[in-house]
Amino acid sequence: MPRGTLEVLLVNAKGLEDTDFLNNMDPYVIITCRSQEQKSSVASGQGSQPEWNETFQFTISDSVPELVIKILDSDAGSGDDFVGEAKIPLEPAFIEGAIPTTTYNVVKDEEFKGEIRVGLTFTPEEGYERDSSAQEESYGGWKESSY
């Protein structure tokens, strides 16, 4: 089970479905990592091609299978519109340490609604390195019986 810090670089999105009819939408993102949640700034008037270039940090102390990124359109006076979401598996970041900026599909109601670009960097907790030899000893293997 990995422990450490996950850094999320939120770059941009493109091809999003514009939920505003009169003017460009004002998208923002909510990033959820298990029970931790962080919100990006609002990309005012950037419509379906928003750029954020923001970094967020999450503490990983538990098994976390994925990062959920929800894109919403900030609407003054009414509820914010849900644009779509991307689910990013974290296992590759735990294994590799860093995943360069990658494009992920944004989906709403199981339909493609655009793309979002995100980079991930995982820094293991000090003294908590990925030690595979300890796992090998505790799983499998055989012991000579003393009969």
N, C-alpha and C. Protein backbone atom coordinates (compact mmCIF):
# COMPACT_ATOMS: atom_id res chain seq x y z
N MET A 1 0.85 -1.19 0.00
CA MET A 1 0.00 0.00 0.00
C MET A 1 0.89 1.24 0.00
N PRO A 2 0.79 2.07 -1.03
CA PRO A 2 1.67 3.23 -1.13
C PRO A 2 1.31 4.32 -0.11
N ARG A 3 2.35 5.00 0.36
CA ARG A 3 2.16 6.16 1.24
C ARG A 3 3.05 7.25 0.71
N GLY A 4 2.54 8.47 0.71
CA GLY A 4 3.35 9.57 0.24
C GLY A 4 2.49 10.73 -0.25
N THR A 5 3.05 11.50 -1.19
CA THR A 5 2.37 12.68 -1.71
C THR A 5 2.13 12.51 -3.20
N LEU A 6 0.90 12.77 -3.61
CA LEU A 6 0.54 12.74 -5.02
C LEU A 6 0.37 14.19 -5.48
N GLU A 7 1.16 14.56 -6.48
CA GLU A 7 1.04 15.91 -7.05
C GLU A 7 0.31 15.79 -8.37
N VAL A 8 -0.74 16.58 -8.53
CA VAL A 8 -1.56 16.55 -9.73
C VAL A 8 -1.39 17.88 -10.46
N LEU A 9 -0.92 17.81 -11.70
CA LEU A 9 -0.78 19.00 -12.53
C LEU A 9 -1.98 19.03 -13.48
N LEU A 10 -2.87 19.97 -13.23
CA LEU A 10 -4.06 20.16 -14.07
C LEU A 10 -3.68 21.16 -15.16
N VAL A 11 -3.58 20.71 -16.40
CA VAL A 11 -3.10 21.56 -17.49
C VAL A 11 -4.26 22.27 -18.18
N ASN A 12 -5.05 21.51 -18.94
CA ASN A 12 -6.14 22.12 -19.69
C ASN A 12 -7.15 21.07 -20.09
N ALA A 13 -8.18 21.53 -20.80
CA ALA A 13 -9.17 20.63 -21.37
C ALA A 13 -9.52 21.15 -22.75
N LYS A 14 -10.02 20.26 -23.59
CA LYS A 14 -10.44 20.71 -24.92
C LYS A 14 -11.60 19.87 -25.40
N GLY A 15 -12.38 20.46 -26.30
CA GLY A 15 -13.51 19.75 -26.88
C GLY A 15 -14.64 19.51 -25.91
N LEU A 16 -14.70 20.29 -24.82
CA LEU A 16 -15.77 20.09 -23.84
C LEU A 16 -17.09 20.54 -24.44
N GLU A 17 -18.16 19.93 -24.00
CA GLU A 17 -19.49 20.34 -24.44
C GLU A 17 -19.83 21.64 -23.71
N ASP A 18 -20.07 22.70 -24.48
CA ASP A 18 -20.38 24.01 -23.89
C ASP A 18 -21.80 23.98 -23.36
N THR A 19 -21.95 24.17 -22.04
CA THR A 19 -23.28 24.09 -21.42
C THR A 19 -23.99 25.44 -21.40
N ASP A 20 -23.28 26.52 -21.77
CA ASP A 20 -23.90 27.85 -21.81
C ASP A 20 -24.30 28.18 -23.24
N PHE A 21 -25.50 28.67 -23.41
CA PHE A 21 -25.99 28.96 -24.76
C PHE A 21 -25.70 30.41 -25.17
N LEU A 22 -25.74 31.34 -24.25
CA LEU A 22 -25.58 32.75 -24.58
C LEU A 22 -24.13 33.21 -24.61
N ASN A 23 -23.32 32.68 -23.74
CA ASN A 23 -21.90 33.07 -23.71
C ASN A 23 -21.05 31.85 -23.36
N ASN A 24 -19.74 32.05 -23.38
CA ASN A 24 -18.84 30.93 -23.07
C ASN A 24 -19.02 30.48 -21.62
N MET A 25 -18.90 29.18 -21.42
CA MET A 25 -19.00 28.68 -20.05
C MET A 25 -17.72 29.02 -19.28
N ASP A 26 -17.82 28.94 -17.96
CA ASP A 26 -16.72 29.26 -17.05
C ASP A 26 -16.36 27.98 -16.29
N PRO A 27 -15.56 27.09 -16.90
CA PRO A 27 -15.31 25.80 -16.28
C PRO A 27 -14.33 25.85 -15.11
N TYR A 28 -14.57 24.95 -14.17
CA TYR A 28 -13.63 24.69 -13.08
C TYR A 28 -13.66 23.20 -12.81
N VAL A 29 -12.71 22.76 -12.00
CA VAL A 29 -12.55 21.33 -11.76
C VAL A 29 -12.55 21.04 -10.27
N ILE A 30 -13.16 19.93 -9.90
CA ILE A 30 -13.05 19.41 -8.53
C ILE A 30 -12.32 18.08 -8.64
N ILE A 31 -11.17 18.00 -7.96
CA ILE A 31 -10.36 16.78 -7.98
C ILE A 31 -10.59 16.06 -6.67
N THR A 32 -10.97 14.78 -6.76
CA THR A 32 -11.23 13.99 -5.56
C THR A 32 -10.28 12.80 -5.51
N CYS A 33 -9.60 12.68 -4.37
CA CYS A 33 -8.69 11.57 -4.12
C CYS A 33 -9.14 10.95 -2.80
N ARG A 34 -9.93 9.89 -2.88
CA ARG A 34 -10.58 9.26 -1.74
C ARG A 34 -11.44 10.29 -1.01
N SER A 35 -11.11 10.70 0.21
CA SER A 35 -11.94 11.66 0.94
C SER A 35 -11.43 13.09 0.80
N GLN A 36 -10.30 13.28 0.12
CA GLN A 36 -9.75 14.63 -0.06
C GLN A 36 -10.31 15.24 -1.35
N GLU A 37 -10.64 16.52 -1.27
CA GLU A 37 -11.21 17.19 -2.42
C GLU A 37 -10.59 18.57 -2.57
N GLN A 38 -10.21 18.93 -3.80
CA GLN A 38 -9.66 20.26 -4.05
C GLN A 38 -10.29 20.83 -5.30
N LYS A 39 -10.40 22.17 -5.32
CA LYS A 39 -11.09 22.85 -6.42
C LYS A 39 -10.12 23.77 -7.14
N SER A 40 -10.20 23.78 -8.47
CA SER A 40 -9.35 24.66 -9.27
C SER A 40 -9.97 26.06 -9.31
N SER A 41 -9.25 26.98 -9.91
CA SER A 41 -9.83 28.30 -10.15
C SER A 41 -10.82 28.17 -11.30
N VAL A 42 -11.66 29.17 -11.46
CA VAL A 42 -12.63 29.18 -12.55
C VAL A 42 -11.96 29.79 -13.78
N ALA A 43 -12.00 29.08 -14.90
CA ALA A 43 -11.42 29.58 -16.15
C ALA A 43 -12.49 30.44 -16.83
N SER A 44 -12.65 31.67 -16.35
CA SER A 44 -13.74 32.55 -16.78
C SER A 44 -13.72 32.80 -18.28
N GLY A 45 -14.87 32.53 -18.89
CA GLY A 45 -15.06 32.83 -20.30
C GLY A 45 -14.23 32.00 -21.26
N GLN A 46 -13.58 30.94 -20.77
CA GLN A 46 -12.72 30.14 -21.65
C GLN A 46 -13.48 29.03 -22.37
N GLY A 47 -14.76 28.89 -22.08
CA GLY A 47 -15.60 27.96 -22.82
C GLY A 47 -15.13 26.53 -22.82
N SER A 48 -15.11 25.92 -24.01
CA SER A 48 -14.82 24.49 -24.11
C SER A 48 -13.33 24.19 -24.23
N GLN A 49 -12.46 25.22 -24.13
CA GLN A 49 -11.00 25.03 -24.24
C GLN A 49 -10.28 25.65 -23.03
N PRO A 50 -10.67 25.36 -21.79
CA PRO A 50 -10.07 26.04 -20.64
C PRO A 50 -8.62 25.63 -20.37
N GLU A 51 -7.85 26.57 -19.83
CA GLU A 51 -6.48 26.29 -19.37
C GLU A 51 -6.39 26.69 -17.91
N TRP A 52 -5.79 25.80 -17.11
CA TRP A 52 -5.62 26.09 -15.69
C TRP A 52 -4.14 26.18 -15.31
N ASN A 53 -3.34 25.20 -15.69
CA ASN A 53 -1.94 25.11 -15.29
C ASN A 53 -1.78 25.31 -13.78
N GLU A 54 -2.49 24.48 -13.03
CA GLU A 54 -2.46 24.54 -11.57
C GLU A 54 -1.99 23.19 -11.02
N THR A 55 -1.37 23.25 -9.85
CA THR A 55 -0.87 22.04 -9.21
C THR A 55 -1.59 21.83 -7.87
N PHE A 56 -1.94 20.58 -7.60
CA PHE A 56 -2.62 20.22 -6.36
C PHE A 56 -1.87 19.08 -5.70
N GLN A 57 -1.88 19.04 -4.36
CA GLN A 57 -1.20 17.96 -3.65
C GLN A 57 -2.18 17.21 -2.77
N PHE A 58 -2.04 15.89 -2.79
CA PHE A 58 -2.87 15.02 -1.96
C PHE A 58 -1.95 14.10 -1.16
N THR A 59 -2.35 13.82 0.07
CA THR A 59 -1.61 12.89 0.92
C THR A 59 -2.18 11.50 0.71
N ILE A 60 -1.32 10.56 0.35
CA ILE A 60 -1.75 9.18 0.12
C ILE A 60 -1.30 8.36 1.32
N SER A 61 -2.26 7.80 2.05
CA SER A 61 -1.91 6.97 3.20
C SER A 61 -2.73 5.69 3.19
N ASP A 62 -3.44 5.50 2.12
CA ASP A 62 -4.40 4.42 2.02
C ASP A 62 -4.39 3.88 0.61
N SER A 63 -5.03 2.79 0.40
CA SER A 63 -5.17 2.27 -0.95
C SER A 63 -6.15 3.18 -1.71
N VAL A 64 -5.67 3.83 -2.75
CA VAL A 64 -6.51 4.73 -3.55
C VAL A 64 -6.42 4.26 -5.00
N PRO A 65 -7.51 3.70 -5.54
CA PRO A 65 -7.44 3.14 -6.89
C PRO A 65 -7.41 4.19 -7.99
N GLU A 66 -8.09 5.34 -7.77
CA GLU A 66 -8.19 6.31 -8.85
C GLU A 66 -8.40 7.73 -8.33
N LEU A 67 -8.16 8.65 -9.23
CA LEU A 67 -8.40 10.07 -9.00
C LEU A 67 -9.63 10.41 -9.84
N VAL A 68 -10.58 11.15 -9.27
CA VAL A 68 -11.77 11.53 -10.03
C VAL A 68 -11.71 13.05 -10.26
N ILE A 69 -11.81 13.43 -11.52
CA ILE A 69 -11.77 14.85 -11.88
C ILE A 69 -13.12 15.21 -12.48
N LYS A 70 -13.86 16.07 -11.79
CA LYS A 70 -15.17 16.50 -12.28
C LYS A 70 -15.03 17.92 -12.82
N ILE A 71 -15.59 18.13 -14.01
CA ILE A 71 -15.57 19.46 -14.62
C ILE A 71 -16.98 20.04 -14.49
N LEU A 72 -17.04 21.26 -13.97
CA LEU A 72 -18.32 21.94 -13.81
C LEU A 72 -18.23 23.32 -14.44
N ASP A 73 -19.40 23.87 -14.77
CA ASP A 73 -19.50 25.21 -15.34
C ASP A 73 -20.08 26.11 -14.26
N SER A 74 -19.31 27.12 -13.86
CA SER A 74 -19.75 28.05 -12.83
C SER A 74 -20.83 28.96 -13.40
N ASP A 75 -22.00 28.92 -12.80
CA ASP A 75 -23.12 29.75 -13.24
C ASP A 75 -23.57 30.64 -12.09
N ALA A 76 -23.49 31.95 -12.30
CA ALA A 76 -23.95 32.90 -11.28
C ALA A 76 -25.47 32.83 -11.22
N GLY A 77 -26.02 32.76 -10.02
CA GLY A 77 -27.46 32.81 -9.85
C GLY A 77 -28.17 31.48 -9.96
N SER A 78 -27.56 30.50 -10.60
CA SER A 78 -28.19 29.18 -10.68
C SER A 78 -27.14 28.13 -10.33
N GLY A 79 -27.57 26.90 -10.21
CA GLY A 79 -26.64 25.83 -9.87
C GLY A 79 -25.61 25.61 -10.97
N ASP A 80 -24.40 25.22 -10.57
CA ASP A 80 -23.35 24.96 -11.55
C ASP A 80 -23.70 23.71 -12.36
N ASP A 81 -23.39 23.75 -13.65
CA ASP A 81 -23.69 22.63 -14.54
C ASP A 81 -22.56 21.61 -14.53
N PHE A 82 -22.93 20.33 -14.47
CA PHE A 82 -21.96 19.24 -14.56
C PHE A 82 -21.63 19.03 -16.03
N VAL A 83 -20.35 19.16 -16.39
CA VAL A 83 -19.91 19.02 -17.78
C VAL A 83 -19.51 17.58 -18.07
N GLY A 84 -18.78 16.96 -17.14
CA GLY A 84 -18.33 15.59 -17.31
C GLY A 84 -17.25 15.27 -16.31
N GLU A 85 -16.73 14.05 -16.35
CA GLU A 85 -15.67 13.66 -15.42
C GLU A 85 -14.71 12.70 -16.07
N ALA A 86 -13.51 12.66 -15.49
CA ALA A 86 -12.48 11.71 -15.92
C ALA A 86 -12.03 10.94 -14.69
N LYS A 87 -11.83 9.64 -14.86
CA LYS A 87 -11.31 8.80 -13.77
C LYS A 87 -9.93 8.33 -14.19
N ILE A 88 -8.95 8.63 -13.35
CA ILE A 88 -7.56 8.35 -13.68
C ILE A 88 -7.03 7.28 -12.73
N PRO A 89 -6.62 6.12 -13.25
CA PRO A 89 -6.05 5.08 -12.39
C PRO A 89 -4.71 5.54 -11.82
N LEU A 90 -4.48 5.28 -10.54
CA LEU A 90 -3.26 5.77 -9.89
C LEU A 90 -2.14 4.75 -9.81
N GLU A 91 -2.44 3.48 -10.03
CA GLU A 91 -1.42 2.43 -9.95
C GLU A 91 -0.16 2.75 -10.77
N PRO A 92 -0.29 3.22 -12.04
CA PRO A 92 0.92 3.54 -12.81
C PRO A 92 1.79 4.62 -12.14
N ALA A 93 1.17 5.60 -11.51
CA ALA A 93 1.94 6.65 -10.83
C ALA A 93 2.67 6.08 -9.63
N PHE A 94 2.03 5.16 -8.90
CA PHE A 94 2.68 4.55 -7.74
C PHE A 94 3.88 3.71 -8.18
N ILE A 95 3.76 3.04 -9.32
CA ILE A 95 4.83 2.17 -9.81
C ILE A 95 5.95 3.00 -10.45
N GLU A 96 5.60 3.90 -11.35
CA GLU A 96 6.59 4.67 -12.11
C GLU A 96 7.14 5.87 -11.35
N GLY A 97 6.34 6.42 -10.44
CA GLY A 97 6.76 7.63 -9.72
C GLY A 97 6.23 8.89 -10.38
N ALA A 98 6.16 8.90 -11.71
CA ALA A 98 5.63 10.07 -12.42
C ALA A 98 5.00 9.63 -13.73
N ILE A 99 3.90 10.26 -14.06
CA ILE A 99 3.24 10.04 -15.35
C ILE A 99 3.24 11.41 -16.03
N PRO A 100 3.89 11.53 -17.18
CA PRO A 100 3.91 12.84 -17.85
C PRO A 100 2.50 13.27 -18.22
N THR A 101 2.36 14.53 -18.56
CA THR A 101 1.04 15.05 -18.93
C THR A 101 0.40 14.15 -19.97
N THR A 102 -0.78 13.65 -19.63
CA THR A 102 -1.49 12.67 -20.45
C THR A 102 -2.92 13.16 -20.67
N THR A 103 -3.48 12.82 -21.82
CA THR A 103 -4.85 13.20 -22.13
C THR A 103 -5.80 12.08 -21.71
N TYR A 104 -6.84 12.46 -20.96
CA TYR A 104 -7.85 11.50 -20.50
C TYR A 104 -9.21 11.92 -21.04
N ASN A 105 -10.06 10.95 -21.31
CA ASN A 105 -11.40 11.24 -21.81
C ASN A 105 -12.29 11.78 -20.70
N VAL A 106 -13.09 12.78 -21.05
CA VAL A 106 -14.12 13.31 -20.16
C VAL A 106 -15.43 12.68 -20.59
N VAL A 107 -16.15 12.10 -19.62
CA VAL A 107 -17.35 11.33 -19.93
C VAL A 107 -18.52 11.84 -19.08
N LYS A 108 -19.69 11.86 -19.70
CA LYS A 108 -20.93 12.18 -18.98
C LYS A 108 -22.00 11.24 -19.51
N ASP A 109 -22.68 10.54 -18.62
CA ASP A 109 -23.70 9.56 -19.02
C ASP A 109 -23.14 8.56 -20.05
N GLU A 110 -21.92 8.11 -19.80
CA GLU A 110 -21.22 7.13 -20.63
C GLU A 110 -20.98 7.62 -22.06
N GLU A 111 -21.02 8.95 -22.27
CA GLU A 111 -20.73 9.52 -23.58
C GLU A 111 -19.49 10.40 -23.50
N PHE A 112 -18.69 10.36 -24.56
CA PHE A 112 -17.48 11.18 -24.66
C PHE A 112 -17.87 12.66 -24.72
N LYS A 113 -17.26 13.48 -23.83
CA LYS A 113 -17.60 14.90 -23.77
C LYS A 113 -16.38 15.80 -23.86
N GLY A 114 -15.25 15.26 -24.33
CA GLY A 114 -14.05 16.07 -24.46
C GLY A 114 -12.86 15.40 -23.79
N GLU A 115 -11.77 16.17 -23.63
CA GLU A 115 -10.53 15.63 -23.07
C GLU A 115 -9.97 16.59 -22.03
N ILE A 116 -9.24 16.01 -21.09
CA ILE A 116 -8.55 16.81 -20.07
C ILE A 116 -7.11 16.31 -19.98
N ARG A 117 -6.18 17.25 -19.81
CA ARG A 117 -4.76 16.88 -19.73
C ARG A 117 -4.25 17.08 -18.30
N VAL A 118 -3.68 15.97 -17.78
CA VAL A 118 -3.25 15.93 -16.38
C VAL A 118 -1.91 15.21 -16.29
N GLY A 119 -1.01 15.72 -15.44
CA GLY A 119 0.24 15.04 -15.13
C GLY A 119 0.23 14.61 -13.67
N LEU A 120 0.88 13.50 -13.35
CA LEU A 120 0.91 12.99 -11.98
C LEU A 120 2.35 12.73 -11.54
N THR A 121 2.64 13.08 -10.29
CA THR A 121 3.93 12.74 -9.69
C THR A 121 3.67 12.19 -8.30
N PHE A 122 4.19 10.99 -8.03
CA PHE A 122 4.03 10.39 -6.71
C PHE A 122 5.38 10.34 -6.02
N THR A 123 5.45 10.91 -4.82
CA THR A 123 6.66 10.89 -4.01
C THR A 123 6.41 10.02 -2.78
N PRO A 124 7.09 8.86 -2.69
CA PRO A 124 6.88 7.99 -1.53
C PRO A 124 7.31 8.68 -0.24
N GLU A 125 6.65 8.32 0.85
CA GLU A 125 6.98 8.84 2.17
C GLU A 125 8.41 8.43 2.51
N GLU A 126 9.16 9.32 3.18
CA GLU A 126 10.53 8.99 3.59
C GLU A 126 10.54 7.71 4.39
N GLY A 127 11.49 6.83 4.07
CA GLY A 127 11.61 5.57 4.81
C GLY A 127 10.55 4.55 4.42
N TYR A 128 9.70 4.94 3.47
CA TYR A 128 8.66 4.02 3.03
C TYR A 128 8.84 3.80 1.54
N GLU A 129 9.90 3.11 1.20
CA GLU A 129 10.18 2.82 -0.21
C GLU A 129 9.38 1.62 -0.65
N ARG A 130 9.20 1.48 -1.91
CA ARG A 130 8.50 0.32 -2.45
C ARG A 130 9.45 -0.87 -2.31
N ASP A 131 9.25 -1.66 -1.29
CA ASP A 131 10.15 -2.76 -0.99
C ASP A 131 9.48 -4.06 -1.41
N SER A 132 9.93 -4.61 -2.52
CA SER A 132 9.28 -5.83 -3.02
C SER A 132 9.82 -7.07 -2.31
N SER A 133 11.03 -7.01 -1.76
CA SER A 133 11.59 -8.21 -1.12
C SER A 133 10.81 -8.58 0.14
N ALA A 134 10.31 -7.59 0.86
CA ALA A 134 9.53 -7.88 2.06
C ALA A 134 8.25 -8.61 1.68
N GLN A 135 7.65 -8.22 0.56
CA GLN A 135 6.43 -8.89 0.13
C GLN A 135 6.72 -10.32 -0.30
N GLU A 136 7.86 -10.54 -0.95
CA GLU A 136 8.18 -11.89 -1.40
C GLU A 136 8.31 -12.84 -0.23
N GLU A 137 8.84 -12.33 0.87
CA GLU A 137 9.01 -13.20 2.03
C GLU A 137 7.68 -13.57 2.67
N SER A 138 6.73 -12.64 2.67
CA SER A 138 5.49 -12.89 3.39
C SER A 138 4.43 -13.56 2.53
N TYR A 139 4.63 -13.60 1.21
CA TYR A 139 3.65 -14.23 0.34
C TYR A 139 4.32 -15.39 -0.40
N GLY A 140 3.63 -16.49 -0.47
CA GLY A 140 4.14 -17.62 -1.23
C GLY A 140 5.41 -18.17 -0.63
N GLY A 141 6.23 -18.77 -1.50
CA GLY A 141 7.45 -19.38 -0.98
C GLY A 141 7.10 -20.63 -0.20
N TRP A 142 8.13 -21.36 0.20
CA TRP A 142 7.85 -22.57 0.95
C TRP A 142 8.81 -22.63 2.11
N LYS A 143 8.39 -23.33 3.11
CA LYS A 143 9.25 -23.55 4.27
C LYS A 143 9.38 -25.05 4.46
N GLU A 144 10.59 -25.45 4.80
CA GLU A 144 10.82 -26.86 5.04
C GLU A 144 10.13 -27.26 6.34
N SER A 145 9.39 -28.34 6.31
CA SER A 145 8.71 -28.73 7.54
C SER A 145 9.72 -29.33 8.52
N SER A 146 9.40 -29.25 9.78
CA SER A 146 10.36 -29.73 10.78
C SER A 146 9.96 -31.13 11.29
N TYR A 147 9.22 -31.90 10.49
CA TYR A 147 8.83 -33.23 10.91
C TYR A 147 9.93 -34.21 10.68
